[in-house]
Structure formats: C-alpha cells, structure tokens
Protein backbone atom coordinates (compact mmCIF):
# COMPACT_ATOMS: atom_id res chain seq x y z
CA UNK A 1 27.97 63.39 196.94
CA UNK A 2 28.95 61.01 199.72
CA UNK A 3 32.71 60.46 199.37
CA UNK A 4 32.83 57.34 201.33
CA UNK A 5 30.53 55.68 198.56
CA UNK A 6 31.87 54.50 195.18
CA UNK A 7 30.68 55.40 191.75
CA UNK A 8 28.44 52.36 191.34
CA UNK A 9 27.03 52.89 194.98
CA UNK A 10 26.33 56.44 194.15
CA UNK A 11 24.50 55.69 190.96
CA UNK A 12 22.38 52.88 192.48
CA UNK A 13 21.55 55.12 195.41
CA UNK A 14 20.44 58.03 193.27
CA UNK A 15 18.44 55.73 190.63
CA UNK A 16 16.29 54.65 193.57
CA UNK A 17 15.18 57.99 194.25
CA UNK A 18 14.28 58.86 190.93
CA UNK A 19 10.74 58.13 189.54
CA UNK A 20 10.58 55.23 187.17
CA UNK A 21 9.55 57.42 184.19
CA UNK A 22 12.52 59.64 184.74
CA UNK A 23 15.71 59.09 182.65
CA UNK A 24 19.06 59.69 184.37
CA UNK A 25 21.87 61.00 182.17
CA UNK A 26 25.09 60.26 184.10
CA UNK A 27 27.30 63.24 183.19
CA UNK A 28 30.71 61.79 182.64
CA UNK A 29 32.60 64.79 181.28
CA UNK A 30 36.32 64.49 182.17
CA UNK A 31 35.91 61.39 183.62
CA UNK A 32 38.05 58.04 182.61
CA UNK A 33 36.99 55.11 180.93
CA UNK A 34 37.36 53.34 184.09
CA UNK A 35 35.18 55.47 185.84
CA UNK A 36 32.56 55.25 183.46
CA UNK A 37 32.85 51.46 183.41
CA UNK A 38 32.21 51.29 187.02
CA UNK A 39 28.58 53.08 186.43
CA UNK A 40 28.24 50.82 183.34
CA UNK A 41 28.57 47.85 185.70
CA UNK A 42 25.39 48.83 187.53
CA UNK A 43 23.38 48.34 184.37
CA UNK A 44 23.38 52.00 183.61
CA UNK A 45 23.62 52.98 179.77
CA UNK A 46 23.03 56.70 179.35
CA UNK A 47 25.99 58.82 179.63
CA UNK A 48 26.37 62.72 178.68
CA UNK A 49 29.25 64.54 177.35
CA UNK A 50 29.89 68.38 176.63
CA UNK A 51 32.81 67.90 174.26
CA UNK A 52 32.31 66.00 170.83
CA UNK A 53 35.84 64.84 170.59
CA UNK A 54 36.07 63.63 174.08
CA UNK A 55 32.91 61.82 173.51
CA UNK A 56 33.96 60.29 170.12
CA UNK A 57 37.33 58.98 171.80
CA UNK A 58 35.29 57.37 174.69
CA UNK A 59 32.71 55.94 172.35
CA UNK A 60 35.53 54.08 170.53
CA UNK A 61 36.83 52.57 173.85
CA UNK A 62 33.56 51.56 175.61
CA UNK A 63 30.77 49.13 174.94
CA UNK A 64 28.54 49.73 171.99
CA UNK A 65 25.29 49.69 173.87
CA UNK A 66 26.03 52.93 175.59
CA UNK A 67 23.50 55.68 174.72
CA UNK A 68 25.65 58.79 174.33
CA UNK A 69 23.94 62.34 174.84
CA UNK A 70 25.77 65.63 173.77
CA UNK A 71 24.73 67.79 176.52
CA UNK A 72 27.09 70.80 175.76
CA UNK A 73 26.73 73.71 173.15
CA UNK A 74 27.31 72.32 169.61
CA UNK A 75 29.44 73.95 166.93
CA UNK A 76 27.96 72.90 163.30
CA UNK A 77 31.27 71.99 161.86
CA UNK A 78 31.68 69.27 164.53
CA UNK A 79 28.35 67.52 164.09
CA UNK A 80 29.83 65.06 161.47
CA UNK A 81 32.31 63.46 164.24
CA UNK A 82 29.15 62.54 166.55
CA UNK A 83 26.60 61.61 163.65
CA UNK A 84 27.69 57.89 163.50
CA UNK A 85 26.75 57.17 167.19
CA UNK A 86 25.18 60.10 169.27
CA UNK A 87 21.68 58.92 170.64
CA UNK A 88 20.54 62.47 171.79
CA UNK A 89 21.71 66.31 171.35
CA UNK A 90 20.40 68.27 174.04
CA UNK A 91 21.49 71.72 173.16
CA UNK A 92 19.91 72.49 169.86
CA UNK A 93 19.35 76.32 169.63
CA UNK A 94 18.90 77.34 165.86
CA UNK A 95 17.52 75.64 162.45
CA UNK A 96 20.99 75.98 160.97
CA UNK A 97 21.95 73.32 163.65
CA UNK A 98 19.47 71.44 162.73
CA UNK A 99 19.98 71.33 159.05
CA UNK A 100 23.61 70.43 159.75
CA UNK A 101 22.39 67.50 162.01
CA UNK A 102 19.94 66.45 159.51
CA UNK A 103 22.69 66.36 156.75
CA UNK A 104 25.26 64.42 158.73
CA UNK A 105 22.57 61.92 160.28
CA UNK A 106 21.40 61.21 156.87
CA UNK A 107 24.90 60.10 155.64
CA UNK A 108 24.63 57.32 158.10
CA UNK A 109 20.94 56.54 157.45
CA UNK A 110 20.29 57.37 161.43
CA UNK A 111 17.59 59.44 163.09
CA UNK A 112 19.00 61.53 165.95
CA UNK A 113 16.83 62.54 168.68
CA UNK A 114 17.09 66.34 169.63
CA UNK A 115 16.20 68.75 172.36
CA UNK A 116 15.56 72.40 171.77
CA UNK A 117 17.32 74.47 174.53
CA UNK A 118 15.44 77.09 176.06
CA UNK A 119 17.12 79.79 177.67
CA UNK A 120 15.61 80.17 181.31
CA UNK A 121 18.39 81.61 183.33
CA UNK A 122 19.31 85.15 183.71
CA UNK A 123 22.88 84.47 183.25
CA UNK A 124 24.49 85.89 180.10
CA UNK A 125 26.61 82.49 179.75
CA UNK A 126 23.84 80.30 179.31
CA UNK A 127 22.81 79.70 175.60
CA UNK A 128 19.27 78.92 174.46
CA UNK A 129 16.20 80.03 172.56
CA UNK A 130 13.41 82.34 173.51
CA UNK A 131 9.99 80.80 173.41
CA UNK A 132 9.05 82.65 170.32
CA UNK A 133 12.27 81.36 168.33
CA UNK A 134 11.52 78.10 169.41
CA UNK A 135 8.00 77.98 168.11
CA UNK A 136 9.47 79.35 164.92
CA UNK A 137 11.50 76.19 164.72
CA UNK A 138 8.82 73.62 165.61
CA UNK A 139 6.44 75.41 163.26
CA UNK A 140 8.95 75.57 160.25
CA UNK A 141 8.49 73.84 157.04
CA UNK A 142 12.26 72.73 157.10
CA UNK A 143 11.78 70.66 160.22
CA UNK A 144 8.78 69.03 158.85
CA UNK A 145 10.56 67.54 155.94
CA UNK A 146 13.71 66.38 157.92
CA UNK A 147 13.68 62.52 157.91
CA UNK A 148 16.80 62.34 160.07
CA UNK A 149 15.99 64.66 162.95
CA UNK A 150 13.24 64.26 165.64
CA UNK A 151 12.67 66.81 168.16
CA UNK A 152 11.59 65.02 171.16
CA UNK A 153 11.39 67.61 173.95
CA UNK A 154 12.83 70.68 175.41
CA UNK A 155 16.00 71.48 177.81
CA UNK A 156 16.85 74.28 179.94
CA UNK A 157 19.56 75.16 182.52
CA UNK A 158 18.73 77.04 185.27
CA UNK A 159 20.72 79.83 187.08
CA UNK A 160 23.76 78.52 189.18
CA UNK A 161 22.39 79.36 192.32
CA UNK A 162 21.10 78.23 195.76
CA UNK A 163 18.22 80.38 195.68
CA UNK A 164 15.38 78.32 195.48
CA UNK A 165 12.82 80.93 194.28
CA UNK A 166 14.79 81.75 191.45
CA UNK A 167 15.14 78.08 190.51
CA UNK A 168 11.53 77.58 190.95
CA UNK A 169 10.56 80.41 188.79
CA UNK A 170 12.73 79.29 185.94
CA UNK A 171 11.80 75.66 186.04
CA UNK A 172 7.99 76.66 186.31
CA UNK A 173 8.34 78.91 183.21
CA UNK A 174 9.87 76.23 181.17
CA UNK A 175 7.14 73.44 182.36
CA UNK A 176 4.51 75.80 181.52
CA UNK A 177 5.77 76.21 177.88
CA UNK A 178 6.29 72.54 177.56
CA UNK A 179 2.91 71.77 178.69
CA UNK A 180 1.23 74.29 176.62
CA UNK A 181 3.07 72.95 173.25
CA UNK A 182 3.85 69.20 173.91
CA UNK A 183 0.63 67.77 172.59
CA UNK A 184 1.02 69.87 169.36
CA UNK A 185 4.63 68.86 168.45
CA UNK A 186 4.77 65.42 170.18
CA UNK A 187 7.18 66.41 172.83
CA UNK A 188 7.79 63.73 175.61
CA UNK A 189 11.01 64.82 177.40
CA UNK A 190 11.65 67.82 179.36
CA UNK A 191 15.28 68.03 180.64
CA UNK A 192 15.79 70.08 183.59
CA UNK A 193 18.01 69.74 186.78
CA UNK A 194 21.50 68.65 187.38
CA UNK A 195 23.36 67.55 190.63
CA UNK A 196 22.60 70.52 192.64
CA UNK A 197 18.98 71.05 191.62
CA UNK A 198 17.61 67.87 190.30
CA UNK A 199 15.19 67.38 193.12
CA UNK A 200 13.58 70.82 192.56
CA UNK A 201 13.58 70.08 188.74
CA UNK A 202 11.68 66.71 189.38
CA UNK A 203 9.00 68.57 191.57
CA UNK A 204 8.32 70.83 188.32
CA UNK A 205 7.99 67.75 186.15
CA UNK A 206 11.18 67.08 184.62
CA UNK A 207 11.58 63.64 182.88
CA UNK A 208 15.28 63.76 182.26
CA UNK A 209 17.89 64.95 184.71
CA UNK A 210 21.62 65.43 183.96
CA UNK A 211 23.79 64.31 186.98
CA UNK A 212 27.61 64.35 187.24
CA UNK A 213 29.08 65.21 190.47
CA UNK A 214 26.53 63.54 192.64
CA UNK A 215 27.72 60.30 190.83
CA UNK A 216 31.39 60.59 189.80
CA UNK A 217 32.66 63.37 192.35
CA UNK A 218 33.67 66.87 191.56
CA UNK A 219 34.89 67.42 188.07
CA UNK A 220 38.60 66.65 186.68
CA UNK A 221 40.30 69.73 185.22
C-alpha cells in the first residue's frame, strides 16, 4: 500500500491493474463506515467482511446497493443474521452449513450465491474441504433440491508466506481442480488471492480477489 495515497486513489489504481473479468472484493473488516464510503465513492460496490454481526451493522448504515460478501468462517447459528441481505458466502465447508443457508434464504425468498472453500494451505488454522468432500457436496441429492442456494465456484486461502513456490503450488492445485469440474457443475468463480499474493493468483486464473490492506491500509484491531 502507498501510504501517501488515499483509499479512493488506492482502489482506482488497483482496479486499473485487474483484468476486466476479475471481481474485486474490497475487504472492509474492522474499517469504519466513512472509510467504506470513500471506497464506495469511486463506484465500487463489492465489500467483504469476516464477522456476520459487524457486516449486519454496516449494512444497516450503508447504501443498499452494496453487495456484501461474507468471506470468513461461518457458524450455522449466525446465518439468519445475514440471510436478508448477503450477496455471496465464500467459505462454505459442509452440507450442514448449506442446509442452514437454504433454510434461512428461503425465509426471505432469496437465492444466496456460495463458494465451496477448498483447503489448499498446509497451515492447520485454515478451514476448508478436501477435493473428495467437495465433490460429495456438489454431487449430493440435497444440493440438487435446494432452491435458495447456488454454488457458483470455489475459493481457497493460500499459506501466509512470501515463498512463491509454495503459493504457486497451492494456486495451481486449486485451478486444476476447478478446471476439471467447472463445466459439470456450472462453476464460474475461482476466488484466490489477497493483498499479498493476488498477482500470483491472477496468473493462475483467479476470477475474484479479496483485497483489504492494499486499499484501506493495515487492519484496525
């Protein structure tokens, strides 16, 4: 991040470097309403949060045309709080979670787009499905009967490292799995890459990047 540049300048500069068919999720977790509005003023509308209550509070205060993406790990008992408004849930890692999203979205007569999270990092702290379990979900009879959930792609979080050989290996593995199955299951999003590694992720075919600190600066704690 260039600290001499404003949030609006950062986001405009970043978007000029992204291919037209790549979606930018501006990760606004811990950021204020005013900071989000500065990014919004550039015409950007897709924002990502990792805590449901924080996202719900911001959604009440901010313009209604914002597309909110839930990018953090999701607890089933909190799905009801975002079901009325969330546009996409990135980190779906079980059929039980999908069932709850289906139930809560149905109460609001909405269809919520979801990404299956595939575990590509070696770090134990990372959540996600292995490839076999992901295919079990995609082939499940339950999913075929859902009317309020749509799985539109896959996401993965790479190891937190500057070692490009590790990142390349992890991104490449997810891209190969995505390419193998995207046509069979109508998948069209591959969400890989954050502030520190999005350029590598783009080289591996990412269609959606989640960028926070390169837009807003370091996270507020």
